Amino acid sequence: MKQNPMLVFPGLLLLVLLTGCTHMLEKNEIADLRTVFRSEDGREFLEVSGTPVHSALVISAMSVESRGATLHLNMKLELVRKGLSGLPLYLKIPLPNSVRQVTIGDREDVLWTRSSGEKEPE
C-alpha cells in the first residue's frame, strides 16, 4: 500500500516538534495575568500570577536577569511529562530600588512599570 506523502509529512513534522519542543513564555500566553506591587519590612516585591494558556506545555525553567533598571523574566516551556506538572504561575520577585520595570519573554513585553509614590493595593 502506497502512503500519501501529504498525509505522512504533517505526522512526521508533528513528531519532530513534540519530541524537542521548547518555547519561551510570552506575556500574551498568560491568562488572568496579575501583577501586584508589595512592600514588606522595608523590602519591595512584585507578585506575578496567572495561568499559562498552553495546556500541553509547562514551565520547566525560569530565570530573572538584571539589565540595569529592568528585571527580565525568562520562562522555558516544555511538553508535559512525568515529573513536570502544569501549575498556575506564581512568582514573588524582590525589587531593588533601582528597578523601574519588569519584562518577560523573547519579545521583552513590559509586565510592570514603577510609578512615583508606588503604594500597595488596598
PDB file of N, CA and C in Angstrom:
ATOM      1  N   MET A   1       0.848  -1.182   0.000  1.00  0.00           N
ATOM      2  CA  MET A   1       0.000   0.000   0.000  1.00  0.00           C
ATOM      3  C   MET A   1       0.884   1.233   0.000  1.00  0.00           C
ATOM      4  N   LYS A   2       0.637   2.124  -0.912  1.00  0.00           N
ATOM      5  CA  LYS A   2       1.435   3.334  -1.048  1.00  0.00           C
ATOM      6  C   LYS A   2       0.876   4.429  -0.141  1.00  0.00           C
ATOM      7  N   GLN A   3       1.769   5.077   0.654  1.00  0.00           N
ATOM      8  CA  GLN A   3       1.364   6.153   1.554  1.00  0.00           C
ATOM      9  C   GLN A   3       1.304   7.469   0.785  1.00  0.00           C
ATOM     10  N   ASN A   4       0.319   8.263   1.097  1.00  0.00           N
ATOM     11  CA  ASN A   4       0.197   9.593   0.516  1.00  0.00           C
ATOM     12  C   ASN A   4       1.184  10.505   1.239  1.00  0.00           C
ATOM     13  N   PRO A   5       2.195  11.073   0.523  1.00  0.00           N
ATOM     14  CA  PRO A   5       3.189  11.928   1.189  1.00  0.00           C
ATOM     15  C   PRO A   5       2.574  13.146   1.870  1.00  0.00           C
ATOM     16  N   MET A   6       1.429  13.608   1.395  1.00  0.00           N
ATOM     17  CA  MET A   6       0.785  14.763   2.016  1.00  0.00           C
ATOM     18  C   MET A   6       0.229  14.416   3.393  1.00  0.00           C
ATOM     19  N   LEU A   7      -0.034  13.158   3.666  1.00  0.00           N
ATOM     20  CA  LEU A   7      -0.511  12.728   4.973  1.00  0.00           C
ATOM     21  C   LEU A   7       0.639  12.361   5.897  1.00  0.00           C
ATOM     22  N   VAL A   8       1.706  11.821   5.362  1.00  0.00           N
ATOM     23  CA  VAL A   8       2.849  11.390   6.167  1.00  0.00           C
ATOM     24  C   VAL A   8       3.645  12.586   6.670  1.00  0.00           C
ATOM     25  N   PHE A   9       3.873  13.590   5.833  1.00  0.00           N
ATOM     26  CA  PHE A   9       4.702  14.730   6.214  1.00  0.00           C
ATOM     27  C   PHE A   9       4.190  15.469   7.453  1.00  0.00           C
ATOM     28  N   PRO A  10       2.901  15.833   7.538  1.00  0.00           N
ATOM     29  CA  PRO A  10       2.442  16.518   8.765  1.00  0.00           C
ATOM     30  C   PRO A  10       2.631  15.673  10.018  1.00  0.00           C
ATOM     31  N   GLY A  11       2.440  14.362   9.903  1.00  0.00           N
ATOM     32  CA  GLY A  11       2.652  13.483  11.055  1.00  0.00           C
ATOM     33  C   GLY A  11       4.103  13.478  11.499  1.00  0.00           C
ATOM     34  N   LEU A  12       5.031  13.435  10.550  1.00  0.00           N
ATOM     35  CA  LEU A  12       6.461  13.476  10.878  1.00  0.00           C
ATOM     36  C   LEU A  12       6.834  14.830  11.471  1.00  0.00           C
ATOM     37  N   LEU A  13       6.300  15.893  10.911  1.00  0.00           N
ATOM     38  CA  LEU A  13       6.584  17.227  11.430  1.00  0.00           C
ATOM     39  C   LEU A  13       6.093  17.351  12.870  1.00  0.00           C
ATOM     40  N   LEU A  14       4.883  16.873  13.141  1.00  0.00           N
ATOM     41  CA  LEU A  14       4.342  16.916  14.494  1.00  0.00           C
ATOM     42  C   LEU A  14       5.218  16.110  15.452  1.00  0.00           C
ATOM     43  N   LEU A  15       5.675  14.948  15.043  1.00  0.00           N
ATOM     44  CA  LEU A  15       6.539  14.119  15.884  1.00  0.00           C
ATOM     45  C   LEU A  15       7.837  14.852  16.219  1.00  0.00           C
ATOM     46  N   VAL A  16       8.449  15.491  15.236  1.00  0.00           N
ATOM     47  CA  VAL A  16       9.689  16.243  15.467  1.00  0.00           C
ATOM     48  C   VAL A  16       9.438  17.396  16.433  1.00  0.00           C
ATOM     49  N   LEU A  17       8.353  18.110  16.241  1.00  0.00           N
ATOM     50  CA  LEU A  17       8.043  19.238  17.109  1.00  0.00           C
ATOM     51  C   LEU A  17       7.780  18.796  18.542  1.00  0.00           C
ATOM     52  N   LEU A  18       7.078  17.708  18.717  1.00  0.00           N
ATOM     53  CA  LEU A  18       6.720  17.256  20.056  1.00  0.00           C
ATOM     54  C   LEU A  18       7.897  16.678  20.823  1.00  0.00           C
ATOM     55  N   THR A  19       8.845  16.082  20.136  1.00  0.00           N
ATOM     56  CA  THR A  19       9.967  15.456  20.848  1.00  0.00           C
ATOM     57  C   THR A  19      11.017  16.468  21.280  1.00  0.00           C
ATOM     58  N   GLY A  20      11.101  17.606  20.641  1.00  0.00           N
ATOM     59  CA  GLY A  20      12.123  18.579  21.020  1.00  0.00           C
ATOM     60  C   GLY A  20      11.559  19.958  21.229  1.00  0.00           C
ATOM     61  N   CYS A  21      10.315  20.048  21.616  1.00  0.00           N
ATOM     62  CA  CYS A  21       9.637  21.337  21.683  1.00  0.00           C
ATOM     63  C   CYS A  21       9.984  22.094  22.960  1.00  0.00           C
ATOM     64  N   THR A  22      10.616  23.232  22.815  1.00  0.00           N
ATOM     65  CA  THR A  22      10.773  24.162  23.926  1.00  0.00           C
ATOM     66  C   THR A  22      10.369  25.533  23.394  1.00  0.00           C
ATOM     67  N   HIS A  23       9.891  26.346  24.281  1.00  0.00           N
ATOM     68  CA  HIS A  23       9.335  27.635  23.898  1.00  0.00           C
ATOM     69  C   HIS A  23       9.472  28.560  25.103  1.00  0.00           C
ATOM     70  N   MET A  24       9.717  29.839  24.878  1.00  0.00           N
ATOM     71  CA  MET A  24       9.771  30.805  25.961  1.00  0.00           C
ATOM     72  C   MET A  24       8.385  31.426  26.141  1.00  0.00           C
ATOM     73  N   LEU A  25       7.930  31.464  27.386  1.00  0.00           N
ATOM     74  CA  LEU A  25       6.611  32.008  27.697  1.00  0.00           C
ATOM     75  C   LEU A  25       6.590  33.513  27.425  1.00  0.00           C
ATOM     76  N   GLU A  26       5.548  33.965  26.750  1.00  0.00           N
ATOM     77  CA  GLU A  26       5.363  35.383  26.439  1.00  0.00           C
ATOM     78  C   GLU A  26       4.178  35.926  27.239  1.00  0.00           C
ATOM     79  N   LYS A  27       4.117  37.225  27.389  1.00  0.00           N
ATOM     80  CA  LYS A  27       3.070  37.879  28.183  1.00  0.00           C
ATOM     81  C   LYS A  27       1.670  37.511  27.684  1.00  0.00           C
ATOM     82  N   ASN A  28       1.474  37.491  26.367  1.00  0.00           N
ATOM     83  CA  ASN A  28       0.141  37.210  25.824  1.00  0.00           C
ATOM     84  C   ASN A  28      -0.252  35.739  25.954  1.00  0.00           C
ATOM     85  N   GLU A  29       0.619  34.919  26.509  1.00  0.00           N
ATOM     86  CA  GLU A  29       0.335  33.500  26.706  1.00  0.00           C
ATOM     87  C   GLU A  29       0.021  33.178  28.173  1.00  0.00           C
ATOM     88  N   ILE A  30      -0.292  34.214  28.947  1.00  0.00           N
ATOM     89  CA  ILE A  30      -0.640  34.037  30.359  1.00  0.00           C
ATOM     90  C   ILE A  30      -2.052  34.568  30.563  1.00  0.00           C
ATOM     91  N   ALA A  31      -2.982  33.652  30.865  1.00  0.00           N
ATOM     92  CA  ALA A  31      -4.371  34.046  31.136  1.00  0.00           C
ATOM     93  C   ALA A  31      -4.471  34.582  32.556  1.00  0.00           C
ATOM     94  N   ASP A  32      -5.378  35.509  32.769  1.00  0.00           N
ATOM     95  CA  ASP A  32      -5.616  36.098  34.092  1.00  0.00           C
ATOM     96  C   ASP A  32      -4.334  36.650  34.714  1.00  0.00           C
ATOM     97  N   LEU A  33      -3.497  37.262  33.881  1.00  0.00           N
ATOM     98  CA  LEU A  33      -2.225  37.828  34.346  1.00  0.00           C
ATOM     99  C   LEU A  33      -2.487  38.941  35.355  1.00  0.00           C
ATOM    100  N   ARG A  34      -1.784  38.863  36.468  1.00  0.00           N
ATOM    101  CA  ARG A  34      -1.929  39.882  37.513  1.00  0.00           C
ATOM    102  C   ARG A  34      -0.547  40.205  38.069  1.00  0.00           C
ATOM    103  N   THR A  35      -0.247  41.488  38.181  1.00  0.00           N
ATOM    104  CA  THR A  35       0.988  41.939  38.820  1.00  0.00           C
ATOM    105  C   THR A  35       0.604  42.857  39.967  1.00  0.00           C
ATOM    106  N   VAL A  36       1.178  42.576  41.146  1.00  0.00           N
ATOM    107  CA  VAL A  36       0.854  43.357  42.337  1.00  0.00           C
ATOM    108  C   VAL A  36       2.156  43.763  43.022  1.00  0.00           C
ATOM    109  N   PHE A  37       2.311  45.065  43.240  1.00  0.00           N
ATOM    110  CA  PHE A  37       3.452  45.600  43.978  1.00  0.00           C
ATOM    111  C   PHE A  37       3.171  45.467  45.473  1.00  0.00           C
ATOM    112  N   ARG A  38       4.172  44.993  46.231  1.00  0.00           N
ATOM    113  CA  ARG A  38       4.026  44.864  47.685  1.00  0.00           C
ATOM    114  C   ARG A  38       5.301  45.350  48.370  1.00  0.00           C
ATOM    115  N   SER A  39       5.121  45.822  49.599  1.00  0.00           N
ATOM    116  CA  SER A  39       6.243  46.218  50.438  1.00  0.00           C
ATOM    117  C   SER A  39       6.095  45.487  51.769  1.00  0.00           C
ATOM    118  N   GLU A  40       7.152  44.773  52.185  1.00  0.00           N
ATOM    119  CA  GLU A  40       7.144  44.017  53.441  1.00  0.00           C
ATOM    120  C   GLU A  40       8.442  44.295  54.188  1.00  0.00           C
ATOM    121  N   ASP A  41       8.333  44.782  55.394  1.00  0.00           N
ATOM    122  CA  ASP A  41       9.510  45.044  56.229  1.00  0.00           C
ATOM    123  C   ASP A  41      10.555  45.885  55.502  1.00  0.00           C
ATOM    124  N   GLY A  42      10.095  46.892  54.770  1.00  0.00           N
ATOM    125  CA  GLY A  42      11.006  47.793  54.073  1.00  0.00           C
ATOM    126  C   GLY A  42      11.561  47.239  52.770  1.00  0.00           C
ATOM    127  N   ARG A  43      11.165  46.030  52.386  1.00  0.00           N
ATOM    128  CA  ARG A  43      11.611  45.442  51.113  1.00  0.00           C
ATOM    129  C   ARG A  43      10.448  45.433  50.136  1.00  0.00           C
ATOM    130  N   GLU A  44      10.747  45.656  48.864  1.00  0.00           N
ATOM    131  CA  GLU A  44       9.710  45.702  47.843  1.00  0.00           C
ATOM    132  C   GLU A  44       9.728  44.429  46.996  1.00  0.00           C
ATOM    133  N   PHE A  45       8.519  43.994  46.620  1.00  0.00           N
ATOM    134  CA  PHE A  45       8.360  42.789  45.820  1.00  0.00           C
ATOM    135  C   PHE A  45       7.326  43.034  44.741  1.00  0.00           C
ATOM    136  N   LEU A  46       7.413  42.234  43.675  1.00  0.00           N
ATOM    137  CA  LEU A  46       6.376  42.193  42.667  1.00  0.00           C
ATOM    138  C   LEU A  46       5.844  40.767  42.636  1.00  0.00           C
ATOM    139  N   GLU A  47       4.542  40.619  42.842  1.00  0.00           N
ATOM    140  CA  GLU A  47       3.898  39.318  42.730  1.00  0.00           C
ATOM    141  C   GLU A  47       3.315  39.209  41.327  1.00  0.00           C
ATOM    142  N   VAL A  48       3.678  38.148  40.624  1.00  0.00           N
ATOM    143  CA  VAL A  48       3.192  37.892  39.271  1.00  0.00           C
ATOM    144  C   VAL A  48       2.430  36.577  39.311  1.00  0.00           C
ATOM    145  N   SER A  49       1.186  36.598  38.843  1.00  0.00           N
ATOM    146  CA  SER A  49       0.394  35.367  38.843  1.00  0.00           C
ATOM    147  C   SER A  49      -0.441  35.277  37.576  1.00  0.00           C
ATOM    148  N   GLY A  50      -0.846  34.061  37.251  1.00  0.00           N
ATOM    149  CA  GLY A  50      -1.671  33.799  36.082  1.00  0.00           C
ATOM    150  C   GLY A  50      -1.582  32.326  35.725  1.00  0.00           C
ATOM    151  N   THR A  51      -2.139  31.980  34.582  1.00  0.00           N
ATOM    152  CA  THR A  51      -2.125  30.598  34.115  1.00  0.00           C
ATOM    153  C   THR A  51      -1.632  30.561  32.680  1.00  0.00           C
ATOM    154  N   PRO A  52      -0.534  29.849  32.420  1.00  0.00           N
ATOM    155  CA  PRO A  52      -0.098  29.698  31.028  1.00  0.00           C
ATOM    156  C   PRO A  52      -1.208  29.050  30.201  1.00  0.00           C
ATOM    157  N   VAL A  53      -1.442  29.551  28.991  1.00  0.00           N
ATOM    158  CA  VAL A  53      -2.569  29.095  28.175  1.00  0.00           C
ATOM    159  C   VAL A  53      -2.303  27.795  27.420  1.00  0.00           C
ATOM    160  N   HIS A  54      -1.063  27.369  27.337  1.00  0.00           N
ATOM    161  CA  HIS A  54      -0.742  26.138  26.609  1.00  0.00           C
ATOM    162  C   HIS A  54      -0.976  24.933  27.519  1.00  0.00           C
ATOM    163  N   SER A  55      -2.010  24.176  27.248  1.00  0.00           N
ATOM    164  CA  SER A  55      -2.358  23.067  28.131  1.00  0.00           C
ATOM    165  C   SER A  55      -1.360  21.913  28.069  1.00  0.00           C
ATOM    166  N   ALA A  56      -0.628  21.777  26.987  1.00  0.00           N
ATOM    167  CA  ALA A  56       0.328  20.677  26.862  1.00  0.00           C
ATOM    168  C   ALA A  56       1.746  21.083  27.240  1.00  0.00           C
ATOM    169  N   LEU A  57       1.941  22.352  27.594  1.00  0.00           N
ATOM    170  CA  LEU A  57       3.274  22.839  27.944  1.00  0.00           C
ATOM    171  C   LEU A  57       3.288  23.317  29.385  1.00  0.00           C
ATOM    172  N   VAL A  58       4.424  23.102  30.057  1.00  0.00           N
ATOM    173  CA  VAL A  58       4.584  23.544  31.443  1.00  0.00           C
ATOM    174  C   VAL A  58       5.897  24.301  31.576  1.00  0.00           C
ATOM    175  N   ILE A  59       5.984  25.142  32.598  1.00  0.00           N
ATOM    176  CA  ILE A  59       7.218  25.880  32.868  1.00  0.00           C
ATOM    177  C   ILE A  59       8.226  24.914  33.461  1.00  0.00           C
ATOM    178  N   SER A  60       9.355  24.734  32.771  1.00  0.00           N
ATOM    179  CA  SER A  60      10.374  23.788  33.230  1.00  0.00           C
ATOM    180  C   SER A  60      11.596  24.489  33.811  1.00  0.00           C
ATOM    181  N   ALA A  61      11.775  25.749  33.476  1.00  0.00           N
ATOM    182  CA  ALA A  61      12.918  26.512  33.998  1.00  0.00           C
ATOM    183  C   ALA A  61      12.574  27.992  33.948  1.00  0.00           C
ATOM    184  N   MET A  62      13.157  28.739  34.899  1.00  0.00           N
ATOM    185  CA  MET A  62      12.906  30.166  34.953  1.00  0.00           C
ATOM    186  C   MET A  62      14.176  30.894  35.366  1.00  0.00           C
ATOM    187  N   SER A  63      14.372  32.075  34.807  1.00  0.00           N
ATOM    188  CA  SER A  63      15.500  32.903  35.230  1.00  0.00           C
ATOM    189  C   SER A  63      15.044  34.351  35.305  1.00  0.00           C
ATOM    190  N   VAL A  64      15.683  35.093  36.216  1.00  0.00           N
ATOM    191  CA  VAL A  64      15.456  36.527  36.348  1.00  0.00           C
ATOM    192  C   VAL A  64      16.796  37.191  36.088  1.00  0.00           C
ATOM    193  N   GLU A  65      16.825  38.037  35.093  1.00  0.00           N
ATOM    194  CA  GLU A  65      18.064  38.683  34.664  1.00  0.00           C
ATOM    195  C   GLU A  65      17.986  40.180  34.931  1.00  0.00           C
ATOM    196  N   SER A  66      19.004  40.723  35.582  1.00  0.00           N
ATOM    197  CA  SER A  66      19.059  42.156  35.848  1.00  0.00           C
ATOM    198  C   SER A  66      19.709  42.851  34.659  1.00  0.00           C
ATOM    199  N   ARG A  67      19.004  43.851  34.122  1.00  0.00           N
ATOM    200  CA  ARG A  67      19.501  44.626  32.983  1.00  0.00           C
ATOM    201  C   ARG A  67      19.407  46.111  33.337  1.00  0.00           C
ATOM    202  N   GLY A  68      20.234  46.531  34.274  1.00  0.00           N
ATOM    203  CA  GLY A  68      20.195  47.921  34.723  1.00  0.00           C
ATOM    204  C   GLY A  68      18.914  48.200  35.476  1.00  0.00           C
ATOM    205  N   ALA A  69      18.063  49.074  34.941  1.00  0.00           N
ATOM    206  CA  ALA A  69      16.813  49.449  35.595  1.00  0.00           C
ATOM    207  C   ALA A  69      15.669  48.488  35.255  1.00  0.00           C
ATOM    208  N   THR A  70      15.997  47.380  34.570  1.00  0.00           N
ATOM    209  CA  THR A  70      14.987  46.402  34.162  1.00  0.00           C
ATOM    210  C   THR A  70      15.325  45.025  34.707  1.00  0.00           C
ATOM    211  N   LEU A  71      14.317  44.328  35.228  1.00  0.00           N
ATOM    212  CA  LEU A  71      14.440  42.901  35.525  1.00  0.00           C
ATOM    213  C   LEU A  71      13.721  42.181  34.395  1.00  0.00           C
ATOM    214  N   HIS A  72      14.383  41.166  33.826  1.00  0.00           N
ATOM    215  CA  HIS A  72      13.795  40.425  32.705  1.00  0.00           C
ATOM    216  C   HIS A  72      13.555  38.982  33.116  1.00  0.00           C
ATOM    217  N   LEU A  73      12.326  38.490  32.888  1.00  0.00           N
ATOM    218  CA  LEU A  73      11.951  37.117  33.216  1.00  0.00           C
ATOM    219  C   LEU A  73      11.965  36.257  31.962  1.00  0.00           C
ATOM    220  N   ASN A  74      12.616  35.105  32.062  1.00  0.00           N
ATOM    221  CA  ASN A  74      12.562  34.101  31.010  1.00  0.00           C
ATOM    222  C   ASN A  74      11.996  32.840  31.623  1.00  0.00           C
ATOM    223  N   MET A  75      10.953  32.293  31.005  1.00  0.00           N
ATOM    224  CA  MET A  75      10.353  31.048  31.474  1.00  0.00           C
ATOM    225  C   MET A  75      10.285  30.082  30.309  1.00  0.00           C
ATOM    226  N   LYS A  76      11.032  28.999  30.435  1.00  0.00           N
ATOM    227  CA  LYS A  76      11.102  27.992  29.390  1.00  0.00           C
ATOM    228  C   LYS A  76       9.937  27.019  29.547  1.00  0.00           C
ATOM    229  N   LEU A  77       9.221  26.792  28.450  1.00  0.00           N
ATOM    230  CA  LEU A  77       8.108  25.850  28.440  1.00  0.00           C
ATOM    231  C   LEU A  77       8.537  24.571  27.732  1.00  0.00           C
ATOM    232  N   GLU A  78       8.103  23.440  28.267  1.00  0.00           N
ATOM    233  CA  GLU A  78       8.336  22.141  27.646  1.00  0.00           C
ATOM    234  C   GLU A  78       7.056  21.333  27.699  1.00  0.00           C
ATOM    235  N   LEU A  79       7.032  20.258  26.923  1.00  0.00           N
ATOM    236  CA  LEU A  79       5.873  19.377  26.947  1.00  0.00           C
ATOM    237  C   LEU A  79       5.709  18.737  28.312  1.00  0.00           C
ATOM    238  N   VAL A  80       4.464  18.559  28.723  1.00  0.00           N
ATOM    239  CA  VAL A  80       4.170  17.866  29.979  1.00  0.00           C
ATOM    240  C   VAL A  80       4.741  16.459  29.889  1.00  0.00           C
ATOM    241  N   ARG A  81       5.365  16.032  30.961  1.00  0.00           N
ATOM    242  CA  ARG A  81       5.880  14.663  31.042  1.00  0.00           C
ATOM    243  C   ARG A  81       5.998  14.295  32.511  1.00  0.00           C
ATOM    244  N   LYS A  82       6.320  13.072  32.774  1.00  0.00           N
ATOM    245  CA  LYS A  82       6.452  12.618  34.149  1.00  0.00           C
ATOM    246  C   LYS A  82       7.474  13.501  34.872  1.00  0.00           C
ATOM    247  N   GLY A  83       7.102  13.996  36.023  1.00  0.00           N
ATOM    248  CA  GLY A  83       7.976  14.864  36.799  1.00  0.00           C
ATOM    249  C   GLY A  83       7.735  16.345  36.559  1.00  0.00           C
ATOM    250  N   LEU A  84       7.012  16.688  35.497  1.00  0.00           N
ATOM    251  CA  LEU A  84       6.657  18.085  35.214  1.00  0.00           C
ATOM    252  C   LEU A  84       5.142  18.195  35.182  1.00  0.00           C
ATOM    253  N   SER A  85       4.599  19.038  36.025  1.00  0.00           N
ATOM    254  CA  SER A  85       3.154  19.226  36.021  1.00  0.00           C
ATOM    255  C   SER A  85       2.832  20.692  35.770  1.00  0.00           C
ATOM    256  N   GLY A  86       1.709  20.920  35.138  1.00  0.00           N
ATOM    257  CA  GLY A  86       1.286  22.276  34.831  1.00  0.00           C
ATOM    258  C   GLY A  86       0.554  22.901  36.001  1.00  0.00           C
ATOM    259  N   LEU A  87       1.144  23.874  36.606  1.00  0.00           N
ATOM    260  CA  LEU A  87       0.538  24.576  37.732  1.00  0.00           C
ATOM    261  C   LEU A  87       0.356  26.035  37.354  1.00  0.00           C
ATOM    262  N   PRO A  88      -0.560  26.724  38.012  1.00  0.00           N
ATOM    263  CA  PRO A  88      -0.658  28.168  37.777  1.00  0.00           C
ATOM    264  C   PRO A  88       0.678  28.849  38.114  1.00  0.00           C
ATOM    265  N   LEU A  89       0.926  29.942  37.476  1.00  0.00           N
ATOM    266  CA  LEU A  89       2.146  30.719  37.675  1.00  0.00           C
ATOM    267  C   LEU A  89       1.995  31.602  38.906  1.00  0.00           C
ATOM    268  N   TYR A  90       2.975  31.553  39.802  1.00  0.00           N
ATOM    269  CA  TYR A  90       3.024  32.486  40.923  1.00  0.00           C
ATOM    270  C   TYR A  90       4.488  32.761  41.237  1.00  0.00           C
ATOM    271  N   LEU A  91       4.880  34.019  41.135  1.00  0.00           N
ATOM    272  CA  LEU A  91       6.249  34.440  41.446  1.00  0.00           C
ATOM    273  C   LEU A  91       6.202  35.609  42.410  1.00  0.00           C
ATOM    274  N   LYS A  92       7.147  35.641  43.316  1.00  0.00           N
ATOM    275  CA  LYS A  92       7.332  36.788  44.209  1.00  0.00           C
ATOM    276  C   LYS A  92       8.769  37.243  43.996  1.00  0.00           C
ATOM    277  N   ILE A  93       8.913  38.352  43.277  1.00  0.00           N
ATOM    278  CA  ILE A  93      10.220  38.821  42.830  1.00  0.00           C
ATOM    279  C   ILE A  93      10.663  40.012  43.664  1.00  0.00           C
ATOM    280  N   PRO A  94      11.831  39.924  44.324  1.00  0.00           N
ATOM    281  CA  PRO A  94      12.356  41.099  45.036  1.00  0.00           C
ATOM    282  C   PRO A  94      12.674  42.220  44.041  1.00  0.00           C
ATOM    283  N   LEU A  95      12.305  43.449  44.398  1.00  0.00           N
ATOM    284  CA  LEU A  95      12.540  44.605  43.536  1.00  0.00           C
ATOM    285  C   LEU A  95      13.523  45.567  44.191  1.00  0.00           C
ATOM    286  N   PRO A  96      14.758  45.605  43.718  1.00  0.00           N
ATOM    287  CA  PRO A  96      15.677  46.639  44.212  1.00  0.00           C
ATOM    288  C   PRO A  96      15.136  48.028  43.841  1.00  0.00           C
ATOM    289  N   ASN A  97      15.511  49.042  44.601  1.00  0.00           N
ATOM    290  CA  ASN A  97      15.051  50.413  44.330  1.00  0.00           C
ATOM    291  C   ASN A  97      15.399  50.890  42.929  1.00  0.00           C
ATOM    292  N   SER A  98      16.474  50.355  42.360  1.00  0.00           N
ATOM    293  CA  SER A  98      16.928  50.794  41.041  1.00  0.00           C
ATOM    294  C   SER A  98      16.058  50.258  39.900  1.00  0.00           C
ATOM    295  N   VAL A  99      15.234  49.256  40.155  1.00  0.00           N
ATOM    296  CA  VAL A  99      14.414  48.647  39.099  1.00  0.00           C
ATOM    297  C   VAL A  99      13.217  49.535  38.796  1.00  0.00           C
ATOM    298  N   ARG A 100      13.048  49.833  37.518  1.00  0.00           N
ATOM    299  CA  ARG A 100      11.954  50.685  37.067  1.00  0.00           C
ATOM    300  C   ARG A 100      10.908  49.907  36.275  1.00  0.00           C
ATOM    301  N   GLN A 101      11.290  48.733  35.744  1.00  0.00           N
ATOM    302  CA  GLN A 101      10.318  47.929  35.015  1.00  0.00           C
ATOM    303  C   GLN A 101      10.714  46.459  35.032  1.00  0.00           C
ATOM    304  N   VAL A 102       9.706  45.595  34.783  1.00  0.00           N
ATOM    305  CA  VAL A 102       9.915  44.155  34.689  1.00  0.00           C
ATOM    306  C   VAL A 102       9.367  43.724  33.334  1.00  0.00           C
ATOM    307  N   THR A 103      10.188  42.963  32.577  1.00  0.00           N
ATOM    308  CA  THR A 103       9.788  42.481  31.254  1.00  0.00           C
ATOM    309  C   THR A 103       9.797  40.958  31.236  1.00  0.00           C
ATOM    310  N   ILE A 104       9.208  40.382  30.171  1.00  0.00           N
ATOM    311  CA  ILE A 104       9.124  38.931  30.055  1.00  0.00           C
ATOM    312  C   ILE A 104       9.265  38.487  28.606  1.00  0.00           C
ATOM    313  N   GLY A 105       9.882  37.316  28.424  1.00  0.00           N
ATOM    314  CA  GLY A 105       9.910  36.632  27.134  1.00  0.00           C
ATOM    315  C   GLY A 105      10.878  37.198  26.125  1.00  0.00           C
ATOM    316  N   ASP A 106      10.919  36.518  24.972  1.00  0.00           N
ATOM    317  CA  ASP A 106      11.808  36.929  23.888  1.00  0.00           C
ATOM    318  C   ASP A 106      11.437  38.295  23.321  1.00  0.00           C
ATOM    319  N   ARG A 107      10.156  38.646  23.400  1.00  0.00           N
ATOM    320  CA  ARG A 107       9.707  39.954  22.878  1.00  0.00           C
ATOM    321  C   ARG A 107       9.913  41.076  23.884  1.00  0.00           C
ATOM    322  N   GLU A 108      10.297  40.722  25.109  1.00  0.00           N
ATOM    323  CA  GLU A 108      10.557  41.700  26.174  1.00  0.00           C
ATOM    324  C   GLU A 108       9.354  42.609  26.441  1.00  0.00           C
ATOM    325  N   ASP A 109       8.165  42.002  26.475  1.00  0.00           N
ATOM    326  CA  ASP A 109       6.955  42.758  26.805  1.00  0.00           C
ATOM    327  C   ASP A 109       7.030  43.235  28.249  1.00  0.00           C
ATOM    328  N   VAL A 110       6.564  44.447  28.500  1.00  0.00           N
ATOM    329  CA  VAL A 110       6.590  45.029  29.843  1.00  0.00           C
ATOM    330  C   VAL A 110       5.447  44.449  30.677  1.00  0.00           C
ATOM    331  N   LEU A 111       5.804  43.860  31.833  1.00  0.00           N
ATOM    332  CA  LEU A 111       4.816  43.340  32.788  1.00  0.00           C
ATOM    333  C   LEU A 111       4.416  44.396  33.795  1.00  0.00           C
ATOM    334  N   TRP A 112       5.385  45.202  34.200  1.00  0.00           N
ATOM    335  CA  TRP A 112       5.159  46.169  35.282  1.00  0.00           C
ATOM    336  C   TRP A 112       6.129  47.320  35.118  1.00  0.00           C
ATOM    337  N   THR A 113       5.657  48.522  35.448  1.00  0.00           N
ATOM    338  CA  THR A 113       6.498  49.721  35.460  1.00  0.00           C
ATOM    339  C   THR A 113       6.274  50.430  36.782  1.00  0.00           C
ATOM    340  N   ARG A 114       7.372  50.845  37.414  1.00  0.00           N
ATOM    341  CA  ARG A 114       7.283  51.565  38.688  1.00  0.00           C
ATOM    342  C   ARG A 114       6.724  52.961  38.442  1.00  0.00           C
ATOM    343  N   SER A 115       5.781  53.349  39.273  1.00  0.00           N
ATOM    344  CA  SER A 115       5.275  54.716  39.206  1.00  0.00           C
ATOM    345  C   SER A 115       5.728  55.444  40.464  1.00  0.00           C
ATOM    346  N   SER A 116       5.852  56.749  40.368  1.00  0.00           N
ATOM    347  CA  SER A 116       6.301  57.501  41.542  1.00  0.00           C
ATOM    348  C   SER A 116       5.268  57.383  42.644  1.00  0.00           C
ATOM    349  N   GLY A 117       5.731  57.267  43.872  1.00  0.00           N
ATOM    350  CA  GLY A 117       4.830  57.133  45.002  1.00  0.00           C
ATOM    351  C   GLY A 117       4.090  55.801  45.021  1.00  0.00           C
ATOM    352  N   GLU A 118       4.728  54.746  44.473  1.00  0.00           N
ATOM    353  CA  GLU A 118       4.113  53.418  44.400  1.00  0.00           C
ATOM    354  C   GLU A 118       3.582  52.997  45.756  1.00  0.00           C
ATOM    355  N   LYS A 119       2.369  52.531  45.791  1.00  0.00           N
ATOM    356  CA  LYS A 119       1.753  52.061  47.045  1.00  0.00           C
ATOM    357  C   LYS A 119       1.128  50.705  46.818  1.00  0.00           C
ATOM    358  N   GLU A 120       0.995  49.954  47.906  1.00  0.00           N
ATOM    359  CA  GLU A 120       0.349  48.650  47.844  1.00  0.00           C
ATOM    360  C   GLU A 120      -1.131  48.812  47.542  1.00  0.00           C
ATOM    361  N   PRO A 121      -1.743  47.788  46.887  1.00  0.00           N
ATOM    362  CA  PRO A 121      -3.197  47.843  46.707  1.00  0.00           C
ATOM    363  C   PRO A 121      -3.910  47.717  48.043  1.00  0.00           C
ATOM    364  N   GLU A 122      -5.049  48.331  48.173  1.00  0.00           N
ATOM    365  CA  GLU A 122      -5.798  48.283  49.436  1.00  0.00           C
ATOM    366  C   GLU A 122      -6.711  47.084  49.468  1.00  0.00           C
TER     367      GLU A 122
END
